[in-house]
Amino acid sequence: NSKVVEMFKNYPARYSLSMHGSDHTGGEFGTLDMEVL
């Protein structure tokens, strides 16, 4: 949402964004295959 995005940009000392998986499916990173990871 554009309004929430603006809130994040206006308050960078309060809000930040990181990554939480890609598709967020069950066991998404549950493999030892380095190429898949």
Full PDB file with SEQRES, HELIX, SHEET, SSBOND, CRYST1, ORIGX, SCALE, CONECT and MASTER records, all heavy atoms in Angstrom:
SEQRES   1 A   37  ASN SER LYS VAL VAL GLU MET PHE LYS ASN TYR PRO ALA          
SEQRES   2 A   37  ARG TYR SER LEU SER MET HIS GLY SER ASP HIS THR GLY          
SEQRES   3 A   37  GLY GLU PHE GLY THR LEU ASP MET GLU VAL LEU                  
HELIX    1 AA1 SER A    2  ASN A   10  1                                   9    
CRYST1    1.000    1.000    1.000  90.00  90.00  90.00 P 1           1          
ORIGX1      1.000000  0.000000  0.000000        0.00000                         
ORIGX2      0.000000  1.000000  0.000000        0.00000                         
ORIGX3      0.000000  0.000000  1.000000        0.00000                         
SCALE1      1.000000  0.000000  0.000000        0.00000                         
SCALE2      0.000000  1.000000  0.000000        0.00000                         
SCALE3      0.000000  0.000000  1.000000        0.00000                         
ATOM      1  N   ASN A   1       0.848  -1.197   0.000  1.00  0.00           N  
ATOM      2  CA  ASN A   1       0.000   0.000   0.000  1.00  0.00           C  
ATOM      3  C   ASN A   1       0.883   1.246   0.000  1.00  0.00           C  
ATOM      4  O   ASN A   1       1.830   1.364   0.776  1.00  0.00           O  
ATOM      5  CB  ASN A   1      -0.896  -0.024   1.248  1.00  0.00           C  
ATOM      6  CG  ASN A   1      -1.781   1.190   1.362  1.00  0.00           C  
ATOM      7  OD1 ASN A   1      -1.367   2.215   1.869  1.00  0.00           O  
ATOM      8  ND2 ASN A   1      -3.018   1.048   0.894  1.00  0.00           N  
ATOM      9  N   SER A   2       0.553   2.201  -0.859  1.00  0.00           N  
ATOM     10  CA  SER A   2       1.405   3.384  -1.023  1.00  0.00           C  
ATOM     11  C   SER A   2       1.502   4.224   0.251  1.00  0.00           C  
ATOM     12  O   SER A   2       2.552   4.795   0.558  1.00  0.00           O  
ATOM     13  CB  SER A   2       0.896   4.251  -2.188  1.00  0.00           C  
ATOM     14  OG  SER A   2      -0.436   4.677  -1.941  1.00  0.00           O  
ATOM     15  N   LYS A   3       0.405   4.308   1.024  1.00  0.00           N  
ATOM     16  CA  LYS A   3       0.435   5.106   2.255  1.00  0.00           C  
ATOM     17  C   LYS A   3       1.366   4.485   3.295  1.00  0.00           C  
ATOM     18  O   LYS A   3       2.100   5.200   3.997  1.00  0.00           O  
ATOM     19  CB  LYS A   3      -0.971   5.249   2.824  1.00  0.00           C  
ATOM     20  CG  LYS A   3      -1.898   6.108   1.971  1.00  0.00           C  
ATOM     21  CD  LYS A   3      -3.261   6.276   2.638  1.00  0.00           C  
ATOM     22  CE  LYS A   3      -4.162   7.173   1.788  1.00  0.00           C  
ATOM     23  NZ  LYS A   3      -5.513   7.338   2.410  1.00  0.00           N  
ATOM     24  N   VAL A   4       1.353   3.160   3.392  1.00  0.00           N  
ATOM     25  CA  VAL A   4       2.242   2.482   4.345  1.00  0.00           C  
ATOM     26  C   VAL A   4       3.689   2.607   3.883  1.00  0.00           C  
ATOM     27  O   VAL A   4       4.592   2.811   4.695  1.00  0.00           O  
ATOM     28  CB  VAL A   4       1.834   1.001   4.508  1.00  0.00           C  
ATOM     29  CG1 VAL A   4       2.809   0.277   5.440  1.00  0.00           C  
ATOM     30  CG2 VAL A   4       0.412   0.893   5.038  1.00  0.00           C  
ATOM     31  N   VAL A   5       3.904   2.499   2.573  1.00  0.00           N  
ATOM     32  CA  VAL A   5       5.248   2.677   2.036  1.00  0.00           C  
ATOM     33  C   VAL A   5       5.789   4.057   2.405  1.00  0.00           C  
ATOM     34  O   VAL A   5       6.946   4.198   2.836  1.00  0.00           O  
ATOM     35  CB  VAL A   5       5.257   2.470   0.504  1.00  0.00           C  
ATOM     36  CG1 VAL A   5       6.582   2.962  -0.093  1.00  0.00           C  
ATOM     37  CG2 VAL A   5       5.037   1.000   0.163  1.00  0.00           C  
ATOM     38  N   GLU A   6       4.967   5.089   2.250  1.00  0.00           N  
ATOM     39  CA  GLU A   6       5.394   6.444   2.593  1.00  0.00           C  
ATOM     40  C   GLU A   6       5.706   6.569   4.083  1.00  0.00           C  
ATOM     41  O   GLU A   6       6.629   7.280   4.480  1.00  0.00           O  
ATOM     42  CB  GLU A   6       4.312   7.457   2.189  1.00  0.00           C  
ATOM     43  CG  GLU A   6       4.226   7.706   0.692  1.00  0.00           C  
ATOM     44  CD  GLU A   6       5.563   8.168   0.120  1.00  0.00           C  
ATOM     45  OE1 GLU A   6       6.151   9.134   0.674  1.00  0.00           O  
ATOM     46  OE2 GLU A   6       6.021   7.559  -0.864  1.00  0.00           O  
ATOM     47  N   MET A   7       4.924   5.866   4.901  1.00  0.00           N  
ATOM     48  CA  MET A   7       5.183   5.885   6.341  1.00  0.00           C  
ATOM     49  C   MET A   7       6.568   5.313   6.639  1.00  0.00           C  
ATOM     50  O   MET A   7       7.324   5.862   7.443  1.00  0.00           O  
ATOM     51  CB  MET A   7       4.099   5.066   7.071  1.00  0.00           C  
ATOM     52  CG  MET A   7       4.184   5.137   8.589  1.00  0.00           C  
ATOM     53  SD  MET A   7       3.009   4.000   9.382  1.00  0.00           S  
ATOM     54  CE  MET A   7       1.462   4.550   8.658  1.00  0.00           C  
ATOM     55  N   PHE A   8       6.905   4.209   5.984  1.00  0.00           N  
ATOM     56  CA  PHE A   8       8.221   3.593   6.163  1.00  0.00           C  
ATOM     57  C   PHE A   8       9.327   4.544   5.720  1.00  0.00           C  
ATOM     58  O   PHE A   8      10.359   4.673   6.393  1.00  0.00           O  
ATOM     59  CB  PHE A   8       8.305   2.287   5.364  1.00  0.00           C  
ATOM     60  CG  PHE A   8       7.822   1.076   6.103  1.00  0.00           C  
ATOM     61  CD1 PHE A   8       6.506   0.978   6.520  1.00  0.00           C  
ATOM     62  CD2 PHE A   8       8.686   0.027   6.384  1.00  0.00           C  
ATOM     63  CE1 PHE A   8       6.054  -0.141   7.201  1.00  0.00           C  
ATOM     64  CE2 PHE A   8       8.246  -1.094   7.066  1.00  0.00           C  
ATOM     65  CZ  PHE A   8       6.924  -1.181   7.484  1.00  0.00           C  
ATOM     66  N   LYS A   9       9.114   5.213   4.596  1.00  0.00           N  
ATOM     67  CA  LYS A   9      10.141   6.124   4.080  1.00  0.00           C  
ATOM     68  C   LYS A   9      10.288   7.372   4.950  1.00  0.00           C  
ATOM     69  O   LYS A   9      11.383   7.921   5.084  1.00  0.00           O  
ATOM     70  CB  LYS A   9       9.819   6.509   2.626  1.00  0.00           C  
ATOM     71  CG  LYS A   9      10.008   5.335   1.652  1.00  0.00           C  
ATOM     72  CD  LYS A   9      10.021   5.779   0.201  1.00  0.00           C  
ATOM     73  CE  LYS A   9       8.657   6.167  -0.296  1.00  0.00           C  
ATOM     74  NZ  LYS A   9       8.649   6.414  -1.765  1.00  0.00           N  
ATOM     75  N   ASN A  10       9.193   7.816   5.547  1.00  0.00           N  
ATOM     76  CA  ASN A  10       9.231   9.020   6.381  1.00  0.00           C  
ATOM     77  C   ASN A  10       9.804   8.761   7.767  1.00  0.00           C  
ATOM     78  O   ASN A  10      10.247   9.692   8.448  1.00  0.00           O  
ATOM     79  CB  ASN A  10       7.827   9.617   6.518  1.00  0.00           C  
ATOM     80  CG  ASN A  10       7.322  10.215   5.220  1.00  0.00           C  
ATOM     81  OD1 ASN A  10       8.118  10.622   4.362  1.00  0.00           O  
ATOM     82  ND2 ASN A  10       6.009  10.274   5.057  1.00  0.00           N  
ATOM     83  N   TYR A  11       9.810   7.480   8.195  1.00  0.00           N  
ATOM     84  CA  TYR A  11      10.299   7.141   9.536  1.00  0.00           C  
ATOM     85  C   TYR A  11      11.326   5.997   9.458  1.00  0.00           C  
ATOM     86  O   TYR A  11      11.126   4.912  10.004  1.00  0.00           O  
ATOM     87  CB  TYR A  11       9.131   6.741  10.445  1.00  0.00           C  
ATOM     88  CG  TYR A  11       8.177   7.877  10.716  1.00  0.00           C  
ATOM     89  CD1 TYR A  11       7.068   8.080   9.902  1.00  0.00           C  
ATOM     90  CD2 TYR A  11       8.393   8.749  11.782  1.00  0.00           C  
ATOM     91  CE1 TYR A  11       6.193   9.133  10.133  1.00  0.00           C  
ATOM     92  CE2 TYR A  11       7.517   9.805  12.022  1.00  0.00           C  
ATOM     93  CZ  TYR A  11       6.424   9.987  11.198  1.00  0.00           C  
ATOM     94  OH  TYR A  11       5.559  11.037  11.435  1.00  0.00           O  
ATOM     95  N   PRO A  12      12.450   6.242   8.774  1.00  0.00           N  
ATOM     96  CA  PRO A  12      13.443   5.172   8.593  1.00  0.00           C  
ATOM     97  C   PRO A  12      14.114   4.737   9.888  1.00  0.00           C  
ATOM     98  O   PRO A  12      14.670   3.635   9.957  1.00  0.00           O  
ATOM     99  CB  PRO A  12      14.452   5.803   7.625  1.00  0.00           C  
ATOM    100  CG  PRO A  12      14.333   7.281   7.855  1.00  0.00           C  
ATOM    101  CD  PRO A  12      12.877   7.521   8.146  1.00  0.00           C  
ATOM    102  N   ALA A  13      14.085   5.595  10.916  1.00  0.00           N  
ATOM    103  CA  ALA A  13      14.676   5.211  12.203  1.00  0.00           C  
ATOM    104  C   ALA A  13      13.749   4.294  12.986  1.00  0.00           C  
ATOM    105  O   ALA A  13      14.172   3.667  13.958  1.00  0.00           O  
ATOM    106  CB  ALA A  13      14.992   6.457  13.033  1.00  0.00           C  
ATOM    107  N   ARG A  14      12.499   4.215  12.562  1.00  0.00           N  
ATOM    108  CA  ARG A  14      11.521   3.361  13.247  1.00  0.00           C  
ATOM    109  C   ARG A  14      11.207   2.091  12.464  1.00  0.00           C  
ATOM    110  O   ARG A  14      11.174   0.998  13.030  1.00  0.00           O  
ATOM    111  CB  ARG A  14      10.216   4.146  13.486  1.00  0.00           C  
ATOM    112  CG  ARG A  14      10.362   5.374  14.366  1.00  0.00           C  
ATOM    113  CD  ARG A  14      10.846   5.014  15.752  1.00  0.00           C  
ATOM    114  NE  ARG A  14      10.962   6.202  16.605  1.00  0.00           N  
ATOM    115  CZ  ARG A  14      11.571   6.209  17.776  1.00  0.00           C  
ATOM    116  NH1 ARG A  14      12.130   5.096  18.239  1.00  0.00           N  
ATOM    117  NH2 ARG A  14      11.648   7.309  18.486  1.00  0.00           N  
ATOM    118  N   TYR A  15      10.982   2.239  11.169  1.00  0.00           N  
ATOM    119  CA  TYR A  15      10.575   1.090  10.348  1.00  0.00           C  
ATOM    120  C   TYR A  15      11.700   0.676   9.410  1.00  0.00           C  
ATOM    121  O   TYR A  15      12.360   1.530   8.797  1.00  0.00           O  
ATOM    122  CB  TYR A  15       9.336   1.431   9.514  1.00  0.00           C  
ATOM    123  CG  TYR A  15       8.017   1.224  10.218  1.00  0.00           C  
ATOM    124  CD1 TYR A  15       7.090   2.261  10.318  1.00  0.00           C  
ATOM    125  CD2 TYR A  15       7.686  -0.016  10.756  1.00  0.00           C  
ATOM    126  CE1 TYR A  15       5.872   2.079  10.946  1.00  0.00           C  
ATOM    127  CE2 TYR A  15       6.467  -0.214  11.388  1.00  0.00           C  
ATOM    128  CZ  TYR A  15       5.562   0.833  11.488  1.00  0.00           C  
ATOM    129  OH  TYR A  15       4.363   0.636  12.109  1.00  0.00           O  
ATOM    130  N   SER A  16      11.896  -0.620   9.280  1.00  0.00           N  
ATOM    131  CA  SER A  16      12.822  -1.157   8.279  1.00  0.00           C  
ATOM    132  C   SER A  16      12.246  -2.447   7.721  1.00  0.00           C  
ATOM    133  O   SER A  16      11.311  -3.030   8.282  1.00  0.00           O  
ATOM    134  CB  SER A  16      14.213  -1.405   8.880  1.00  0.00           C  
ATOM    135  OG  SER A  16      14.155  -2.352   9.940  1.00  0.00           O  
ATOM    136  N   LEU A  17      12.837  -2.883   6.609  1.00  0.00           N  
ATOM    137  CA  LEU A  17      12.307  -4.015   5.865  1.00  0.00           C  
ATOM    138  C   LEU A  17      13.423  -5.021   5.603  1.00  0.00           C  
ATOM    139  O   LEU A  17      14.529  -4.642   5.230  1.00  0.00           O  
ATOM    140  CB  LEU A  17      11.743  -3.515   4.531  1.00  0.00           C  
ATOM    141  CG  LEU A  17      10.595  -4.277   3.865  1.00  0.00           C  
ATOM    142  CD1 LEU A  17       9.367  -4.284   4.750  1.00  0.00           C  
ATOM    143  CD2 LEU A  17      10.282  -3.636   2.513  1.00  0.00           C  
ATOM    144  N   SER A  18      13.137  -6.306   5.835  1.00  0.00           N  
ATOM    145  CA  SER A  18      14.080  -7.364   5.483  1.00  0.00           C  
ATOM    146  C   SER A  18      13.337  -8.441   4.696  1.00  0.00           C  
ATOM    147  O   SER A  18      12.126  -8.343   4.495  1.00  0.00           O  
ATOM    148  CB  SER A  18      14.723  -7.966   6.740  1.00  0.00           C  
ATOM    149  OG  SER A  18      13.734  -8.522   7.603  1.00  0.00           O  
ATOM    150  N   MET A  19      14.059  -9.458   4.263  1.00  0.00           N  
ATOM    151  CA  MET A  19      13.460 -10.518   3.438  1.00  0.00           C  
ATOM    152  C   MET A  19      13.020 -11.688   4.317  1.00  0.00           C  
ATOM    153  O   MET A  19      13.710 -12.065   5.255  1.00  0.00           O  
ATOM    154  CB  MET A  19      14.472 -11.014   2.403  1.00  0.00           C  
ATOM    155  CG  MET A  19      14.847  -9.978   1.370  1.00  0.00           C  
ATOM    156  SD  MET A  19      16.107 -10.586   0.200  1.00  0.00           S  
ATOM    157  CE  MET A  19      17.585 -10.392   1.204  1.00  0.00           C  
ATOM    158  N   HIS A  20      11.885 -12.255   3.973  1.00  0.00           N  
ATOM    159  CA  HIS A  20      11.359 -13.404   4.724  1.00  0.00           C  
ATOM    160  C   HIS A  20      11.007 -14.512   3.738  1.00  0.00           C  
ATOM    161  O   HIS A  20       9.852 -14.689   3.340  1.00  0.00           O  
ATOM    162  CB  HIS A  20      10.127 -12.972   5.517  1.00  0.00           C  
ATOM    163  CG  HIS A  20       9.624 -14.016   6.467  1.00  0.00           C  
ATOM    164  ND1 HIS A  20      10.438 -14.731   7.312  1.00  0.00           N  
ATOM    165  CD2 HIS A  20       8.360 -14.453   6.717  1.00  0.00           C  
ATOM    166  CE1 HIS A  20       9.716 -15.561   8.035  1.00  0.00           C  
ATOM    167  NE2 HIS A  20       8.444 -15.424   7.686  1.00  0.00           N  
ATOM    168  N   GLY A  21      12.058 -15.207   3.329  1.00  0.00           N  
ATOM    169  CA  GLY A  21      11.843 -16.244   2.331  1.00  0.00           C  
ATOM    170  C   GLY A  21      11.575 -15.653   0.954  1.00  0.00           C  
ATOM    171  O   GLY A  21      11.714 -14.446   0.739  1.00  0.00           O  
ATOM    172  N   SER A  22      11.175 -16.512   0.042  1.00  0.00           N  
ATOM    173  CA  SER A  22      10.837 -16.055  -1.301  1.00  0.00           C  
ATOM    174  C   SER A  22       9.352 -16.289  -1.564  1.00  0.00           C  
ATOM    175  O   SER A  22       8.562 -15.359  -1.636  1.00  0.00           O  
ATOM    176  CB  SER A  22      11.680 -16.783  -2.350  1.00  0.00           C  
ATOM    177  OG  SER A  22      11.436 -16.251  -3.631  1.00  0.00           O  
ATOM    178  N   ASP A  23       8.957 -17.569  -1.661  1.00  0.00           N  
ATOM    179  CA  ASP A  23       7.528 -17.890  -1.780  1.00  0.00           C  
ATOM    180  C   ASP A  23       6.874 -18.111  -0.422  1.00  0.00           C  
ATOM    181  O   ASP A  23       5.653 -18.095  -0.309  1.00  0.00           O  
ATOM    182  CB  ASP A  23       7.335 -19.158  -2.616  1.00  0.00           C  
ATOM    183  CG  ASP A  23       7.721 -18.955  -4.068  1.00  0.00           C  
ATOM    184  OD1 ASP A  23       7.533 -17.831  -4.559  1.00  0.00           O  
ATOM    185  OD2 ASP A  23       8.234 -19.897  -4.686  1.00  0.00           O  
ATOM    186  N   HIS A  24       7.692 -18.375   0.620  1.00  0.00           N  
ATOM    187  CA  HIS A  24       7.206 -18.667   1.969  1.00  0.00           C  
ATOM    188  C   HIS A  24       6.330 -19.913   1.970  1.00  0.00           C  
ATOM    189  O   HIS A  24       5.226 -19.946   2.517  1.00  0.00           O  
ATOM    190  CB  HIS A  24       6.446 -17.470   2.543  1.00  0.00           C  
ATOM    191  CG  HIS A  24       6.282 -17.540   4.059  1.00  0.00           C  
ATOM    192  ND1 HIS A  24       5.282 -18.262   4.660  1.00  0.00           N  
ATOM    193  CD2 HIS A  24       6.990 -16.984   5.058  1.00  0.00           C  
ATOM    194  CE1 HIS A  24       5.370 -18.139   5.981  1.00  0.00           C  
ATOM    195  NE2 HIS A  24       6.415 -17.361   6.249  1.00  0.00           N  
ATOM    196  N   THR A  25       6.830 -20.960   1.334  1.00  0.00           N  
ATOM    197  CA  THR A  25       6.134 -22.244   1.335  1.00  0.00           C  
ATOM    198  C   THR A  25       6.760 -23.161   2.368  1.00  0.00           C  
ATOM    199  O   THR A  25       7.854 -22.899   2.881  1.00  0.00           O  
ATOM    200  CB  THR A  25       6.224 -22.902  -0.050  1.00  0.00           C  
ATOM    201  OG1 THR A  25       7.607 -23.005  -0.427  1.00  0.00           O  
ATOM    202  CG2 THR A  25       5.471 -22.080  -1.076  1.00  0.00           C  
ATOM    203  N   GLY A  26       6.075 -24.236   2.717  1.00  0.00           N  
ATOM    204  CA  GLY A  26       6.562 -25.150   3.735  1.00  0.00           C  
ATOM    205  C   GLY A  26       7.911 -25.762   3.362  1.00  0.00           C  
ATOM    206  O   GLY A  26       8.066 -26.298   2.260  1.00  0.00           O  
ATOM    207  N   GLY A  27       8.880 -25.694   4.268  1.00  0.00           N  
ATOM    208  CA  GLY A  27      10.196 -26.264   4.015  1.00  0.00           C  
ATOM    209  C   GLY A  27      10.916 -25.624   2.850  1.00  0.00           C  
ATOM    210  O   GLY A  27      11.721 -26.275   2.174  1.00  0.00           O  
ATOM    211  N   GLU A  28      10.635 -24.352   2.610  1.00  0.00           N  
ATOM    212  CA  GLU A  28      11.177 -23.687   1.422  1.00  0.00           C  
ATOM    213  C   GLU A  28      12.700 -23.762   1.361  1.00  0.00           C  
ATOM    214  O   GLU A  28      13.276 -23.954   0.293  1.00  0.00           O  
ATOM    215  CB  GLU A  28      10.728 -22.225   1.412  1.00  0.00           C  
ATOM    216  CG  GLU A  28      11.187 -21.469   0.175  1.00  0.00           C  
ATOM    217  CD  GLU A  28      10.637 -20.054   0.140  1.00  0.00           C  
ATOM    218  OE1 GLU A  28      10.300 -19.509   1.215  1.00  0.00           O  
ATOM    219  OE2 GLU A  28      10.547 -19.489  -0.967  1.00  0.00           O  
ATOM    220  N   PHE A  29      13.364 -23.605   2.507  1.00  0.00           N  
ATOM    221  CA  PHE A  29      14.821 -23.668   2.533  1.00  0.00           C  
ATOM    222  C   PHE A  29      15.305 -24.938   3.243  1.00  0.00           C  
ATOM    223  O   PHE A  29      16.446 -25.008   3.689  1.00  0.00           O  
ATOM    224  CB  PHE A  29      15.391 -22.424   3.217  1.00  0.00           C  
ATOM    225  CG  PHE A  29      15.294 -21.184   2.370  1.00  0.00           C  
ATOM    226  CD1 PHE A  29      14.141 -20.407   2.378  1.00  0.00           C  
ATOM    227  CD2 PHE A  29      16.351 -20.804   1.552  1.00  0.00           C  
ATOM    228  CE1 PHE A  29      14.048 -19.272   1.589  1.00  0.00           C  
ATOM    229  CE2 PHE A  29      16.261 -19.664   0.760  1.00  0.00           C  
ATOM    230  CZ  PHE A  29      15.107 -18.900   0.783  1.00  0.00           C  
ATOM    231  N   GLY A  30      14.438 -25.929   3.318  1.00  0.00           N  
ATOM    232  CA  GLY A  30      14.777 -27.177   4.007  1.00  0.00           C  
ATOM    233  C   GLY A  30      15.461 -28.183   3.107  1.00  0.00           C  
ATOM    234  O   GLY A  30      14.978 -29.312   2.925  1.00  0.00           O  
ATOM    235  N   THR A  31      16.548 -27.806   2.492  1.00  0.00           N  
ATOM    236  CA  THR A  31      17.307 -28.702   1.626  1.00  0.00           C  
ATOM    237  C   THR A  31      18.792 -28.425   1.798  1.00  0.00           C  
ATOM    238  O   THR A  31      19.183 -27.315   2.201  1.00  0.00           O  
ATOM    239  CB  THR A  31      16.905 -28.511   0.147  1.00  0.00           C  
ATOM    240  OG1 THR A  31      17.740 -29.364  -0.665  1.00  0.00           O  
ATOM    241  CG2 THR A  31      17.099 -27.078  -0.293  1.00  0.00           C  
ATOM    242  N   LEU A  32      19.608 -29.427   1.513  1.00  0.00           N  
ATOM    243  CA  LEU A  32      21.060 -29.251   1.557  1.00  0.00           C  
ATOM    244  C   LEU A  32      21.641 -29.019   0.171  1.00  0.00           C  
ATOM    245  O   LEU A  32      22.862 -28.925   0.023  1.00  0.00           O  
ATOM    246  CB  LEU A  32      21.715 -30.487   2.196  1.00  0.00           C  
ATOM    247  CG  LEU A  32      21.348 -30.763   3.666  1.00  0.00           C  
ATOM    248  CD1 LEU A  32      22.035 -32.028   4.165  1.00  0.00           C  
ATOM    249  CD2 LEU A  32      21.705 -29.579   4.545  1.00  0.00           C  
ATOM    250  N   ASP A  33      20.764 -28.938  -0.840  1.00  0.00           N  
ATOM    251  CA  ASP A  33      21.208 -28.712  -2.211  1.00  0.00           C  
ATOM    252  C   ASP A  33      21.598 -27.241  -2.359  1.00  0.00           C  
ATOM    253  O   ASP A  33      20.746 -26.344  -2.362  1.00  0.00           O  
ATOM    254  CB  ASP A  33      20.076 -29.065  -3.182  1.00  0.00           C  
ATOM    255  CG  ASP A  33      20.529 -29.062  -4.637  1.00  0.00           C  
ATOM    256  OD1 ASP A  33      21.311 -28.158  -5.007  1.00  0.00           O  
ATOM    257  OD2 ASP A  33      20.102 -29.940  -5.396  1.00  0.00           O  
ATOM    258  N   MET A  34      22.897 -26.976  -2.488  1.00  0.00           N  
ATOM    259  CA  MET A  34      23.382 -25.603  -2.526  1.00  0.00           C  
ATOM    260  C   MET A  34      22.870 -24.832  -3.731  1.00  0.00           C  
ATOM    261  O   MET A  34      22.618 -23.632  -3.650  1.00  0.00           O  
ATOM    262  CB  MET A  34      24.913 -25.595  -2.512  1.00  0.00           C  
ATOM    263  CG  MET A  34      25.522 -26.185  -1.241  1.00  0.00           C  
ATOM    264  SD  MET A  34      24.979 -25.294   0.245  1.00  0.00           S  
ATOM    265  CE  MET A  34      25.762 -23.705  -0.005  1.00  0.00           C  
ATOM    266  N   GLU A  35      22.681 -25.512  -4.860  1.00  0.00           N  
ATOM    267  CA  GLU A  35      22.182 -24.831  -6.052  1.00  0.00           C  
ATOM    268  C   GLU A  35      20.739 -24.369  -5.852  1.00  0.00           C  
ATOM    269  O   GLU A  35      20.370 -23.254  -6.246  1.00  0.00           O  
ATOM    270  CB  GLU A  35      22.286 -25.745  -7.267  1.00  0.00           C  
ATOM    271  CG  GLU A  35      23.725 -26.002  -7.720  1.00  0.00           C  
ATOM    272  CD  GLU A  35      23.772 -26.768  -9.029  1.00  0.00           C  
ATOM    273  OE1 GLU A  35      22.681 -27.048  -9.593  1.00  0.00           O  
ATOM    274  OE2 GLU A  35      24.881 -27.089  -9.487  1.00  0.00           O  
ATOM    275  N   VAL A  36      19.934 -25.220  -5.226  1.00  0.00           N  
ATOM    276  CA  VAL A  36      18.540 -24.861  -4.957  1.00  0.00           C  
ATOM    277  C   VAL A  36      18.477 -23.694  -3.975  1.00  0.00           C  
ATOM    278  O   VAL A  36      17.719 -22.738  -4.170  1.00  0.00           O  
ATOM    279  CB  VAL A  36      17.762 -26.074  -4.407  1.00  0.00           C  
ATOM    280  CG1 VAL A  36      16.356 -25.649  -3.956  1.00  0.00           C  
ATOM    281  CG2 VAL A  36      17.668 -27.166  -5.473  1.00  0.00           C  
ATOM    282  N   LEU A  37      19.290 -23.764  -2.911  1.00  0.00           N  
ATOM    283  CA  LEU A  37      19.310 -22.696  -1.923  1.00  0.00           C  
ATOM    284  C   LEU A  37      19.744 -21.374  -2.547  1.00  0.00           C  
ATOM    285  O   LEU A  37      19.173 -20.310  -2.266  1.00  0.00           O  
ATOM    286  CB  LEU A  37      20.239 -23.067  -0.761  1.00  0.00           C  
ATOM    287  CG  LEU A  37      19.773 -24.223   0.133  1.00  0.00           C  
ATOM    288  CD1 LEU A  37      20.860 -24.595   1.138  1.00  0.00           C  
ATOM    289  CD2 LEU A  37      18.491 -23.854   0.878  1.00  0.00           C  
TER     290      LEU A  37                                                      
MASTER        0    0    0    1    0    0    0    6  289    1    0    3          
END                                                                             
